Amino acid sequence: MLKVIQDDHQSQPTASSCLNEKEHNGKLSLSLHGNKINFTSLGCPRNLVDSEVMLGILLKAGYEVAELPEADFLVLNTCGFLEASRKESLDTVGELLTLKKPSAKLIVTGCMVQTHSSDLKDAYPKIDYLLGSGDLEGILTAVQSTAPGETITTARSYLESGEVPRRLSTPKHFAYLKIAEGCRKRCAYCVIPTIKGPLRSKSQEQVLKEFNLLLNQGVFEVVLIAQDLGDYGKDQGSKSISALISLLKEMLKIEKPFWLRLLYLYPDEITDELIALMKSDPRICPYLDMPIQHINNTILKSMRRATSGEQIKNVITQLRTEIPTVSIRTSLIVGFPGETEEQFEELALFLKEFPLDNVGIFKFSREPGSHAFDLPNQVDEDVKESRYHRLMQIQKKVVKKTLKKKIGTTIQVIVEGYHPETNLLMIGRHQGQCPDIDGQVIINDGRKVKSFGQLYDLEVTDVADYDLIGRVL
């Protein structure tokens, strides 16, 4: 069992998915403690990929996945990005310790272990093993350890290389492909470089190898992830986004049907060449997650962002002009130190004048170790709360207006399965909807659906909050 609770750094989604299979692949000696494992993965998709690697290592060693009450070993992959993320991680440790059987061992790994292991140990001394976020290949040692312990080295992030096993926990038709870890930017509000370390990119050869492996496994939609896709290869001497462009071109040479989705490209990295490439092949989803955080130039400069408000608006305009079907997701921060009411109103007006398809809105979190932690004119929490709700209301109206324009149109959707609340409905997504973090398509007439994970034409008949409603043709 692998339970996923995603809390993405850019968009803060919440979702759950489960893997419940049994496979023995090259059995090795097992702990006398038992061999049933259960995973919980918190945080972003990059964390999920790490959890899938650990799961693959244990399955290859002969362990079996199980529901939580039956598990002999519980593995929790934590997030330590924000104070709220760390609280969720601590709360989840407490929940797992309460729910597990007395003989079961709890192994805690991930970002919070790397940066706040003392908090975990102080709050929950009954944790059996702590594993650093860059030490994932030690999961077998952690599980088989006969005494409490820890392995926390200076490696702050993990990148697959070679033939490391990985077991997907997502539905069979989509998967995440991590192409880099760490970050070379120094945004004032962010501690990712401290948590995850400097940028490290996989070789193009390694990425293509993993990409082909996913396609050969039957994966249709591959979501490329990194802290910043545009920086891919820059640690290896690449300039601009040339390494990413080269990688995408090599992927597109593969003569198979697939969807390729790009997560996290900053406005200054949306170049003419990238837009032209996206237009050239419909297999690249007309979708971009472009974190902008604010639109006021003074705030952007204080945030240590590379683009101005005018440049952001120009990029959005160009995308809308050249790729009319493009869906744009972004993230915004309210209550950054020094943000005035006038600067907030500028951000609110921007949302109305430049409607975006999906927006994750955050209240500024004062993170120790970040440049913004010590900035003057910190904004009161009640002001942050008010601005958050005001911006959310604006975005809700924007989305409703945008989605209503689709009523009566025909779109192509990948039908993913039955609705979690009833088998009378199905759910799916179109190219403008990313798994787990965006809205979805609710199918109220799926009589023509023969199998899940396949593409179907659908007529949009209505909208419900952030979701479309329709019938399969």
Foldseek 3Di string as FASTA:
>chain_A
DEWEAEQEPWFGFGDTFFDADAAEAQADDDAPLAAEEYEYEYYHQQSVQLVQLLVQLSNPNPGHYDPQAPGQEYEYAADDWFPVRVVVSLVVVVVSVVRYDPNHAYEYEYLCCQPPVVVNCVSCVRHQEYEYQARSVCSRVSNNDPGRYYDHDPQQHHDDDDPRTGHDRDPLAEGEQEFKEADDAAFQQGCRCVRRNHIDGDDLVRSVVVVVVSVVSVHAEYEYDYQAQQCHCVVVPDPGSVVSLVSVVVVVVDPDHHAYEYEHHELVNLDPSNLVVCVVDVSHQLEYEYADAFADQVVCVVRVHDDHNVSNVVSLVVSCVSPVPHAYEYEYEPQQAPQDPVRLVVRLVCCVVRPHQYYRYYYRGQDPPGNSVPDPRGGDPVVSVVSRVVSVVSNQVSNQVVQVVQAQPKFKWQWAAADPVDNQKTWTAGSHADPRRAETEIENAEPVDDDGSDIFIWHFHHADRRYTYTHTD
